[in-house]
PDB file of N, CA and C in Angstrom:
ATOM      1  N   MET A   1      -1.716  18.399   4.271  1.00  0.00           N
ATOM      2  CA  MET A   1      -0.428  18.991   3.943  1.00  0.00           C
ATOM      3  C   MET A   1       0.245  18.132   2.879  1.00  0.00           C
ATOM      4  N   ASN A   2       0.898  18.798   1.939  1.00  0.00           N
ATOM      5  CA  ASN A   2       1.621  18.062   0.908  1.00  0.00           C
ATOM      6  C   ASN A   2       3.130  18.205   1.134  1.00  0.00           C
ATOM      7  N   PRO A   3       3.948  17.401   0.438  1.00  0.00           N
ATOM      8  CA  PRO A   3       5.396  17.444   0.663  1.00  0.00           C
ATOM      9  C   PRO A   3       6.020  18.821   0.435  1.00  0.00           C
ATOM     10  N   ALA A   4       5.573  19.539  -0.592  1.00  0.00           N
ATOM     11  CA  ALA A   4       6.151  20.855  -0.876  1.00  0.00           C
ATOM     12  C   ALA A   4       5.875  21.831   0.272  1.00  0.00           C
ATOM     13  N   ARG A   5       4.650  21.794   0.765  1.00  0.00           N
ATOM     14  CA  ARG A   5       4.287  22.689   1.874  1.00  0.00           C
ATOM     15  C   ARG A   5       5.056  22.317   3.137  1.00  0.00           C
ATOM     16  N   LEU A   6       5.248  21.033   3.369  1.00  0.00           N
ATOM     17  CA  LEU A   6       6.023  20.592   4.521  1.00  0.00           C
ATOM     18  C   LEU A   6       7.438  21.149   4.460  1.00  0.00           C
ATOM     19  N   LEU A   7       8.078  21.006   3.307  1.00  0.00           N
ATOM     20  CA  LEU A   7       9.446  21.498   3.166  1.00  0.00           C
ATOM     21  C   LEU A   7       9.522  23.013   3.307  1.00  0.00           C
ATOM     22  N   GLN A   8       8.507  23.699   2.833  1.00  0.00           N
ATOM     23  CA  GLN A   8       8.470  25.154   2.922  1.00  0.00           C
ATOM     24  C   GLN A   8       8.433  25.621   4.385  1.00  0.00           C
ATOM     25  N   HIS A   9       7.735  24.878   5.229  1.00  0.00           N
ATOM     26  CA  HIS A   9       7.564  25.262   6.635  1.00  0.00           C
ATOM     27  C   HIS A   9       8.312  24.338   7.594  1.00  0.00           C
ATOM     28  N   PHE A  10       9.290  23.591   7.094  1.00  0.00           N
ATOM     29  CA  PHE A  10       9.946  22.564   7.896  1.00  0.00           C
ATOM     30  C   PHE A  10      10.560  23.105   9.175  1.00  0.00           C
ATOM     31  N   GLU A  11      11.282  24.207   9.102  1.00  0.00           N
ATOM     32  CA  GLU A  11      11.953  24.724  10.302  1.00  0.00           C
ATOM     33  C   GLU A  11      10.957  25.042  11.407  1.00  0.00           C
ATOM     34  N   ARG A  12       9.870  25.688  11.051  1.00  0.00           N
ATOM     35  CA  ARG A  12       8.859  26.052  12.052  1.00  0.00           C
ATOM     36  C   ARG A  12       8.166  24.801  12.598  1.00  0.00           C
ATOM     37  N   ILE A  13       7.855  23.860  11.719  1.00  0.00           N
ATOM     38  CA  ILE A  13       7.176  22.629  12.135  1.00  0.00           C
ATOM     39  C   ILE A  13       8.078  21.784  13.021  1.00  0.00           C
ATOM     40  N   SER A  14       9.352  21.695  12.667  1.00  0.00           N
ATOM     41  CA  SER A  14      10.275  20.830  13.405  1.00  0.00           C
ATOM     42  C   SER A  14      10.522  21.302  14.832  1.00  0.00           C
ATOM     43  N   GLU A  15      10.207  22.540  15.142  1.00  0.00           N
ATOM     44  CA  GLU A  15      10.406  23.055  16.497  1.00  0.00           C
ATOM     45  C   GLU A  15       9.205  22.803  17.405  1.00  0.00           C
ATOM     46  N   ALA A  16       8.126  22.280  16.879  1.00  0.00           N
ATOM     47  CA  ALA A  16       6.936  21.975  17.688  1.00  0.00           C
ATOM     48  C   ALA A  16       7.270  20.840  18.653  1.00  0.00           C
ATOM     49  N   PRO A  17       6.639  20.814  19.844  1.00  0.00           N
ATOM     50  CA  PRO A  17       6.949  19.788  20.843  1.00  0.00           C
ATOM     51  C   PRO A  17       6.704  18.350  20.358  1.00  0.00           C
ATOM     52  N   ASP A  18       5.702  18.135  19.561  1.00  0.00           N
ATOM     53  CA  ASP A  18       5.398  16.778  19.087  1.00  0.00           C
ATOM     54  C   ASP A  18       5.788  16.588  17.624  1.00  0.00           C
ATOM     55  N   ALA A  19       6.801  17.302  17.177  1.00  0.00           N
ATOM     56  CA  ALA A  19       7.174  17.321  15.761  1.00  0.00           C
ATOM     57  C   ALA A  19       7.596  15.950  15.235  1.00  0.00           C
ATOM     58  N   THR A  20       8.438  15.253  15.965  1.00  0.00           N
ATOM     59  CA  THR A  20       8.967  13.986  15.466  1.00  0.00           C
ATOM     60  C   THR A  20       7.872  12.943  15.235  1.00  0.00           C
ATOM     61  N   PRO A  21       6.995  12.681  16.208  1.00  0.00           N
ATOM     62  CA  PRO A  21       5.936  11.691  15.936  1.00  0.00           C
ATOM     63  C   PRO A  21       4.999  12.126  14.809  1.00  0.00           C
ATOM     64  N   ARG A  22       4.702  13.411  14.731  1.00  0.00           N
ATOM     65  CA  ARG A  22       3.804  13.890  13.671  1.00  0.00           C
ATOM     66  C   ARG A  22       4.462  13.754  12.304  1.00  0.00           C
ATOM     67  N   LEU A  23       5.752  14.076  12.207  1.00  0.00           N
ATOM     68  CA  LEU A  23       6.460  13.935  10.932  1.00  0.00           C
ATOM     69  C   LEU A  23       6.538  12.469  10.513  1.00  0.00           C
ATOM     70  N   ARG A  24       6.765  11.580  11.480  1.00  0.00           N
ATOM     71  CA  ARG A  24       6.800  10.153  11.164  1.00  0.00           C
ATOM     72  C   ARG A  24       5.456   9.685  10.624  1.00  0.00           C
ATOM     73  N   ARG A  25       4.353  10.094  11.255  1.00  0.00           N
ATOM     74  CA  ARG A  25       3.021   9.712  10.781  1.00  0.00           C
ATOM     75  C   ARG A  25       2.765  10.267   9.389  1.00  0.00           C
ATOM     76  N   PHE A  26       3.189  11.508   9.147  1.00  0.00           N
ATOM     77  CA  PHE A  26       2.985  12.141   7.845  1.00  0.00           C
ATOM     78  C   PHE A  26       3.751  11.396   6.751  1.00  0.00           C
ATOM     79  N   ILE A  27       5.002  11.059   7.027  1.00  0.00           N
ATOM     80  CA  ILE A  27       5.833  10.352   6.047  1.00  0.00           C
ATOM     81  C   ILE A  27       5.266   8.959   5.772  1.00  0.00           C
ATOM     82  N   LEU A  28       4.835   8.251   6.816  1.00  0.00           N
ATOM     83  CA  LEU A  28       4.224   6.941   6.629  1.00  0.00           C
ATOM     84  C   LEU A  28       2.952   7.050   5.798  1.00  0.00           C
ATOM     85  N   ASP A  29       2.145   8.067   6.060  1.00  0.00           N
ATOM     86  CA  ASP A  29       0.914   8.281   5.299  1.00  0.00           C
ATOM     87  C   ASP A  29       1.225   8.507   3.819  1.00  0.00           C
ATOM     88  N   LEU A  30       2.224   9.326   3.532  1.00  0.00           N
ATOM     89  CA  LEU A  30       2.617   9.559   2.140  1.00  0.00           C
ATOM     90  C   LEU A  30       3.087   8.264   1.480  1.00  0.00           C
ATOM     91  N   ALA A  31       3.865   7.473   2.213  1.00  0.00           N
ATOM     92  CA  ALA A  31       4.393   6.230   1.659  1.00  0.00           C
ATOM     93  C   ALA A  31       3.271   5.245   1.346  1.00  0.00           C
ATOM     94  N   VAL A  32       2.324   5.101   2.259  1.00  0.00           N
ATOM     95  CA  VAL A  32       1.216   4.165   2.062  1.00  0.00           C
ATOM     96  C   VAL A  32       0.352   4.578   0.881  1.00  0.00           C
ATOM     97  N   ARG A  33       0.215   5.858   0.649  1.00  0.00           N
ATOM     98  CA  ARG A  33      -0.597   6.356  -0.459  1.00  0.00           C
ATOM     99  C   ARG A  33       0.165   6.419  -1.785  1.00  0.00           C
ATOM    100  N   GLY A  34       1.447   6.071  -1.762  1.00  0.00           N
ATOM    101  CA  GLY A  34       2.230   6.081  -2.988  1.00  0.00           C
ATOM    102  C   GLY A  34       2.635   7.478  -3.421  1.00  0.00           C
ATOM    103  N   LYS A  35       2.691   8.402  -2.460  1.00  0.00           N
ATOM    104  CA  LYS A  35       2.999   9.783  -2.806  1.00  0.00           C
ATOM    105  C   LYS A  35       4.340  10.245  -2.250  1.00  0.00           C
ATOM    106  N   LEU A  36       5.085   9.332  -1.660  1.00  0.00           N
ATOM    107  CA  LEU A  36       6.378   9.709  -1.100  1.00  0.00           C
ATOM    108  C   LEU A  36       7.417   9.873  -2.199  1.00  0.00           C
ATOM    109  N   VAL A  37       7.324   9.021  -3.224  1.00  0.00           N
ATOM    110  CA  VAL A  37       8.227   9.104  -4.373  1.00  0.00           C
ATOM    111  C   VAL A  37       7.393   9.052  -5.644  1.00  0.00           C
ATOM    112  N   GLU A  38       7.969   9.488  -6.731  1.00  0.00           N
ATOM    113  CA  GLU A  38       7.286   9.427  -8.022  1.00  0.00           C
ATOM    114  C   GLU A  38       7.056   7.970  -8.398  1.00  0.00           C
ATOM    115  N   GLN A  39       5.916   7.682  -8.990  1.00  0.00           N
ATOM    116  CA  GLN A  39       5.600   6.331  -9.426  1.00  0.00           C
ATOM    117  C   GLN A  39       6.205   6.099 -10.815  1.00  0.00           C
ATOM    118  N   ASP A  40       6.812   4.936 -10.989  1.00  0.00           N
ATOM    119  CA  ASP A  40       7.443   4.578 -12.256  1.00  0.00           C
ATOM    120  C   ASP A  40       6.420   3.884 -13.145  1.00  0.00           C
ATOM    121  N   PRO A  41       6.055   4.487 -14.275  1.00  0.00           N
ATOM    122  CA  PRO A  41       5.057   3.863 -15.145  1.00  0.00           C
ATOM    123  C   PRO A  41       5.522   2.528 -15.734  1.00  0.00           C
ATOM    124  N   LYS A  42       6.827   2.248 -15.668  1.00  0.00           N
ATOM    125  CA  LYS A  42       7.345   0.979 -16.182  1.00  0.00           C
ATOM    126  C   LYS A  42       7.200  -0.155 -15.172  1.00  0.00           C
ATOM    127  N   ASP A  43       6.820   0.158 -13.933  1.00  0.00           N
ATOM    128  CA  ASP A  43       6.637  -0.879 -12.923  1.00  0.00           C
ATOM    129  C   ASP A  43       5.508  -1.831 -13.312  1.00  0.00           C
ATOM    130  N   GLU A  44       5.655  -3.064 -12.928  1.00  0.00           N
ATOM    131  CA  GLU A  44       4.641  -4.083 -13.191  1.00  0.00           C
ATOM    132  C   GLU A  44       3.352  -3.724 -12.446  1.00  0.00           C
ATOM    133  N   PRO A  45       2.199  -3.831 -13.093  1.00  0.00           N
ATOM    134  CA  PRO A  45       0.931  -3.565 -12.400  1.00  0.00           C
ATOM    135  C   PRO A  45       0.712  -4.577 -11.277  1.00  0.00           C
ATOM    136  N   ALA A  46       0.051  -4.145 -10.229  1.00  0.00           N
ATOM    137  CA  ALA A  46      -0.213  -5.011  -9.082  1.00  0.00           C
ATOM    138  C   ALA A  46      -1.016  -6.241  -9.474  1.00  0.00           C
ATOM    139  N   THR A  47      -1.882  -6.118 -10.477  1.00  0.00           N
ATOM    140  CA  THR A  47      -2.692  -7.264 -10.903  1.00  0.00           C
ATOM    141  C   THR A  47      -1.805  -8.413 -11.390  1.00  0.00           C
ATOM    142  N   GLU A  48      -0.717  -8.091 -12.082  1.00  0.00           N
ATOM    143  CA  GLU A  48       0.201  -9.125 -12.573  1.00  0.00           C
ATOM    144  C   GLU A  48       0.921  -9.804 -11.415  1.00  0.00           C
ATOM    145  N   LEU A  49       1.343  -9.021 -10.444  1.00  0.00           N
ATOM    146  CA  LEU A  49       2.001  -9.588  -9.269  1.00  0.00           C
ATOM    147  C   LEU A  49       1.052 -10.520  -8.528  1.00  0.00           C
ATOM    148  N   LEU A  50      -0.205 -10.102  -8.339  1.00  0.00           N
ATOM    149  CA  LEU A  50      -1.171 -10.945  -7.640  1.00  0.00           C
ATOM    150  C   LEU A  50      -1.457 -12.225  -8.415  1.00  0.00           C
ATOM    151  N   LYS A  51      -1.457 -12.164  -9.743  1.00  0.00           N
ATOM    152  CA  LYS A  51      -1.643 -13.383 -10.547  1.00  0.00           C
ATOM    153  C   LYS A  51      -0.499 -14.364 -10.300  1.00  0.00           C
ATOM    154  N   ARG A  52       0.725 -13.855 -10.246  1.00  0.00           N
ATOM    155  CA  ARG A  52       1.880 -14.723  -9.986  1.00  0.00           C
ATOM    156  C   ARG A  52       1.802 -15.334  -8.591  1.00  0.00           C
ATOM    157  N   ILE A  53       1.383 -14.526  -7.614  1.00  0.00           N
ATOM    158  CA  ILE A  53       1.242 -15.020  -6.241  1.00  0.00           C
ATOM    159  C   ILE A  53       0.191 -16.129  -6.189  1.00  0.00           C
ATOM    160  N   GLN A  54      -0.960 -15.907  -6.849  1.00  0.00           N
ATOM    161  CA  GLN A  54      -2.019 -16.916  -6.866  1.00  0.00           C
ATOM    162  C   GLN A  54      -1.534 -18.209  -7.515  1.00  0.00           C
ATOM    163  N   ALA A  55      -0.791 -18.113  -8.605  1.00  0.00           N
ATOM    164  CA  ALA A  55      -0.270 -19.301  -9.286  1.00  0.00           C
ATOM    165  C   ALA A  55       0.698 -20.057  -8.378  1.00  0.00           C
ATOM    166  N   GLN A  56       1.550 -19.332  -7.679  1.00  0.00           N
ATOM    167  CA  GLN A  56       2.504 -19.972  -6.784  1.00  0.00           C
ATOM    168  C   GLN A  56       1.776 -20.650  -5.621  1.00  0.00           C
ATOM    169  N   LYS A  57       0.749 -19.982  -5.063  1.00  0.00           N
ATOM    170  CA  LYS A  57      -0.025 -20.587  -3.984  1.00  0.00           C
ATOM    171  C   LYS A  57      -0.730 -21.855  -4.461  1.00  0.00           C
ATOM    172  N   ALA A  58      -1.298 -21.826  -5.675  1.00  0.00           N
ATOM    173  CA  ALA A  58      -1.968 -23.003  -6.224  1.00  0.00           C
ATOM    174  C   ALA A  58      -0.980 -24.161  -6.379  1.00  0.00           C
ATOM    175  N   ARG A  59       0.226 -23.855  -6.826  1.00  0.00           N
ATOM    176  CA  ARG A  59       1.253 -24.894  -6.975  1.00  0.00           C
ATOM    177  C   ARG A  59       1.611 -25.482  -5.610  1.00  0.00           C
ATOM    178  N   LEU A  60       1.739 -24.639  -4.575  1.00  0.00           N
ATOM    179  CA  LEU A  60       2.096 -25.118  -3.243  1.00  0.00           C
ATOM    180  C   LEU A  60       0.973 -25.949  -2.626  1.00  0.00           C
ATOM    181  N   VAL A  61      -0.275 -25.584  -2.917  1.00  0.00           N
ATOM    182  CA  VAL A  61      -1.413 -26.381  -2.444  1.00  0.00           C
ATOM    183  C   VAL A  61      -1.377 -27.747  -3.114  1.00  0.00           C
ATOM    184  N   LYS A  62      -1.136 -27.774  -4.415  1.00  0.00           N
ATOM    185  CA  LYS A  62      -1.081 -29.022  -5.172  1.00  0.00           C
ATOM    186  C   LYS A  62       0.037 -29.930  -4.649  1.00  0.00           C
ATOM    187  N   GLU A  63       1.160 -29.322  -4.277  1.00  0.00           N
ATOM    188  CA  GLU A  63       2.294 -30.077  -3.734  1.00  0.00           C
ATOM    189  C   GLU A  63       2.100 -30.391  -2.250  1.00  0.00           C
ATOM    190  N   GLU A  64       0.970 -29.975  -1.690  1.00  0.00           N
ATOM    191  CA  GLU A  64       0.614 -30.175  -0.283  1.00  0.00           C
ATOM    192  C   GLU A  64       1.620 -29.551   0.682  1.00  0.00           C
ATOM    193  N   LYS A  65       2.212 -28.450   0.262  1.00  0.00           N
ATOM    194  CA  LYS A  65       3.129 -27.716   1.139  1.00  0.00           C
ATOM    195  C   LYS A  65       2.375 -26.685   1.969  1.00  0.00           C
ATOM    196  N   ILE A  66       1.221 -26.237   1.473  1.00  0.00           N
ATOM    197  CA  ILE A  66       0.337 -25.355   2.233  1.00  0.00           C
ATOM    198  C   ILE A  66      -1.089 -25.860   2.078  1.00  0.00           C
ATOM    199  N   LYS A  67      -1.970 -25.421   2.986  1.00  0.00           N
ATOM    200  CA  LYS A  67      -3.369 -25.836   2.928  1.00  0.00           C
ATOM    201  C   LYS A  67      -4.159 -24.897   2.030  1.00  0.00           C
ATOM    202  N   GLN A  68      -5.246 -25.429   1.461  1.00  0.00           N
ATOM    203  CA  GLN A  68      -6.172 -24.611   0.669  1.00  0.00           C
ATOM    204  C   GLN A  68      -6.813 -23.595   1.605  1.00  0.00           C
ATOM    205  N   GLU A  69      -6.870 -22.336   1.190  1.00  0.00           N
ATOM    206  CA  GLU A  69      -7.434 -21.289   2.035  1.00  0.00           C
ATOM    207  C   GLU A  69      -8.935 -21.193   1.856  1.00  0.00           C
ATOM    208  N   LYS A  70      -9.591 -20.663   2.894  1.00  0.00           N
ATOM    209  CA  LYS A  70     -11.027 -20.419   2.816  1.00  0.00           C
ATOM    210  C   LYS A  70     -11.264 -19.217   1.912  1.00  0.00           C
ATOM    211  N   PRO A  71     -12.438 -19.156   1.266  1.00  0.00           N
ATOM    212  CA  PRO A  71     -12.747 -18.002   0.414  1.00  0.00           C
ATOM    213  C   PRO A  71     -12.724 -16.688   1.206  1.00  0.00           C
ATOM    214  N   ILE A  72     -12.356 -15.621   0.521  1.00  0.00           N
ATOM    215  CA  ILE A  72     -12.257 -14.301   1.151  1.00  0.00           C
ATOM    216  C   ILE A  72     -13.570 -13.560   0.983  1.00  0.00           C
ATOM    217  N   ARG A  73     -14.045 -12.970   2.082  1.00  0.00           N
ATOM    218  CA  ARG A  73     -15.248 -12.136   1.987  1.00  0.00           C
ATOM    219  C   ARG A  73     -14.834 -10.756   1.504  1.00  0.00           C
ATOM    220  N   SER A  74     -15.571 -10.214   0.555  1.00  0.00           N
ATOM    221  CA  SER A  74     -15.238  -8.892   0.025  1.00  0.00           C
ATOM    222  C   SER A  74     -15.858  -7.810   0.901  1.00  0.00           C
ATOM    223  N   ARG A  75     -15.418  -6.586   0.726  1.00  0.00           N
ATOM    224  CA  ARG A  75     -15.988  -5.453   1.472  1.00  0.00           C
ATOM    225  C   ARG A  75     -17.448  -5.285   1.073  1.00  0.00           C
ATOM    226  N   ALA A  76     -18.273  -5.031   2.058  1.00  0.00           N
ATOM    227  CA  ALA A  76     -19.719  -4.958   1.830  1.00  0.00           C
ATOM    228  C   ALA A  76     -20.109  -3.823   0.890  1.00  0.00           C
ATOM    229  N   ASN A  77     -19.564  -2.639   1.104  1.00  0.00           N
ATOM    230  CA  ASN A  77     -20.007  -1.497   0.299  1.00  0.00           C
ATOM    231  C   ASN A  77     -19.096  -1.216  -0.895  1.00  0.00           C
ATOM    232  N   GLY A  78     -17.950  -1.855  -0.983  1.00  0.00           N
ATOM    233  CA  GLY A  78     -17.069  -1.687  -2.125  1.00  0.00           C
ATOM    234  C   GLY A  78     -16.278  -0.382  -2.134  1.00  0.00           C
ATOM    235  N   SER A  79     -16.506   0.501  -1.169  1.00  0.00           N
ATOM    236  CA  SER A  79     -15.778   1.769  -1.157  1.00  0.00           C
ATOM    237  C   SER A  79     -14.428   1.587  -0.470  1.00  0.00           C
ATOM    238  N   MET A  80     -13.458   2.308  -0.934  1.00  0.00           N
ATOM    239  CA  MET A  80     -12.120   2.239  -0.363  1.00  0.00           C
ATOM    240  C   MET A  80     -11.779   3.591   0.248  1.00  0.00           C
ATOM    241  N   PRO A  81     -10.962   3.602   1.296  1.00  0.00           N
ATOM    242  CA  PRO A  81     -10.701   4.851   2.017  1.00  0.00           C
ATOM    243  C   PRO A  81      -9.909   5.907   1.252  1.00  0.00           C
ATOM    244  N   ILE A  82      -9.073   5.483   0.310  1.00  0.00           N
ATOM    245  CA  ILE A  82      -8.278   6.446  -0.460  1.00  0.00           C
ATOM    246  C   ILE A  82      -8.194   6.001  -1.912  1.00  0.00           C
ATOM    247  N   GLU A  83      -7.877   6.946  -2.788  1.00  0.00           N
ATOM    248  CA  GLU A  83      -7.651   6.631  -4.197  1.00  0.00           C
ATOM    249  C   GLU A  83      -6.212   6.164  -4.348  1.00  0.00           C
ATOM    250  N   LEU A  84      -6.012   5.093  -5.096  1.00  0.00           N
ATOM    251  CA  LEU A  84      -4.681   4.527  -5.270  1.00  0.00           C
ATOM    252  C   LEU A  84      -3.989   5.077  -6.513  1.00  0.00           C
ATOM    253  N   PRO A  85      -2.659   5.136  -6.488  1.00  0.00           N
ATOM    254  CA  PRO A  85      -1.910   5.527  -7.683  1.00  0.00           C
ATOM    255  C   PRO A  85      -2.128   4.508  -8.800  1.00  0.00           C
ATOM    256  N   GLN A  86      -1.876   4.922 -10.022  1.00  0.00           N
ATOM    257  CA  GLN A  86      -2.033   4.044 -11.181  1.00  0.00           C
ATOM    258  C   GLN A  86      -1.132   2.821 -11.040  1.00  0.00           C
ATOM    259  N   GLY A  87      -1.679   1.661 -11.333  1.00  0.00           N
ATOM    260  CA  GLY A  87      -0.913   0.422 -11.230  1.00  0.00           C
ATOM    261  C   GLY A  87      -1.024  -0.250  -9.876  1.00  0.00           C
ATOM    262  N   TRP A  88      -1.580   0.432  -8.867  1.00  0.00           N
ATOM    263  CA  TRP A  88      -1.769  -0.147  -7.546  1.00  0.00           C
ATOM    264  C   TRP A  88      -3.118  -0.844  -7.523  1.00  0.00           C
ATOM    265  N   LEU A  89      -3.332  -1.703  -6.527  1.00  0.00           N
ATOM    266  CA  LEU A  89      -4.555  -2.474  -6.445  1.00  0.00           C
ATOM    267  C   LEU A  89      -4.870  -2.775  -4.987  1.00  0.00           C
ATOM    268  N   TRP A  90      -6.152  -2.673  -4.624  1.00  0.00           N
ATOM    269  CA  TRP A  90      -6.582  -3.078  -3.291  1.00  0.00           C
ATOM    270  C   TRP A  90      -6.557  -4.592  -3.239  1.00  0.00           C
ATOM    271  N   SER A  91      -6.082  -5.144  -2.131  1.00  0.00           N
ATOM    272  CA  SER A  91      -6.028  -6.581  -1.965  1.00  0.00           C
ATOM    273  C   SER A  91      -6.106  -6.909  -0.483  1.00  0.00           C
ATOM    274  N   CYS A  92      -6.675  -8.054  -0.164  1.00  0.00           N
ATOM    275  CA  CYS A  92      -6.706  -8.543   1.206  1.00  0.00           C
ATOM    276  C   CYS A  92      -5.355  -9.186   1.525  1.00  0.00           C
ATOM    277  N   MET A  93      -4.944  -9.117   2.780  1.00  0.00           N
ATOM    278  CA  MET A  93      -3.683  -9.733   3.172  1.00  0.00           C
ATOM    279  C   MET A  93      -3.684 -11.224   2.857  1.00  0.00           C
ATOM    280  N   GLN A  94      -4.831 -11.865   2.975  1.00  0.00           N
ATOM    281  CA  GLN A  94      -4.925 -13.295   2.715  1.00  0.00           C
ATOM    282  C   GLN A  94      -4.569 -13.618   1.264  1.00  0.00           C
ATOM    283  N   GLU A  95      -4.850 -12.704   0.333  1.00  0.00           N
ATOM    284  CA  GLU A  95      -4.525 -12.937  -1.074  1.00  0.00           C
ATOM    285  C   GLU A  95      -3.018 -12.897  -1.319  1.00  0.00           C
ATOM    286  N   ILE A  96      -2.324 -12.177  -0.487  1.00  0.00           N
ATOM    287  CA  ILE A  96      -0.888 -11.990  -0.667  1.00  0.00           C
ATOM    288  C   ILE A  96      -0.129 -13.090   0.048  1.00  0.00           C
TER     289      ILE A  96
END
């Protein structure tokens, strides 16, 4: 279901017994996929943000404020569950 179709059938959907939890899951799914709001092409690409994060982590390691992290294992097959919007990037939580 897409946002337009949801709005078109909102009254009927909202009267279903499990409407609230299903709507919450749907909205969260849209948000995670970057489809809840229009993407701003002027936004900084995720790669630039991750570079800044890595530089800051390296500085904190050098200052001995945090420990050096172990290397991250990459996904074995390289496939990702969904296609990301332009400017987004897959990353491990450890990288962030």
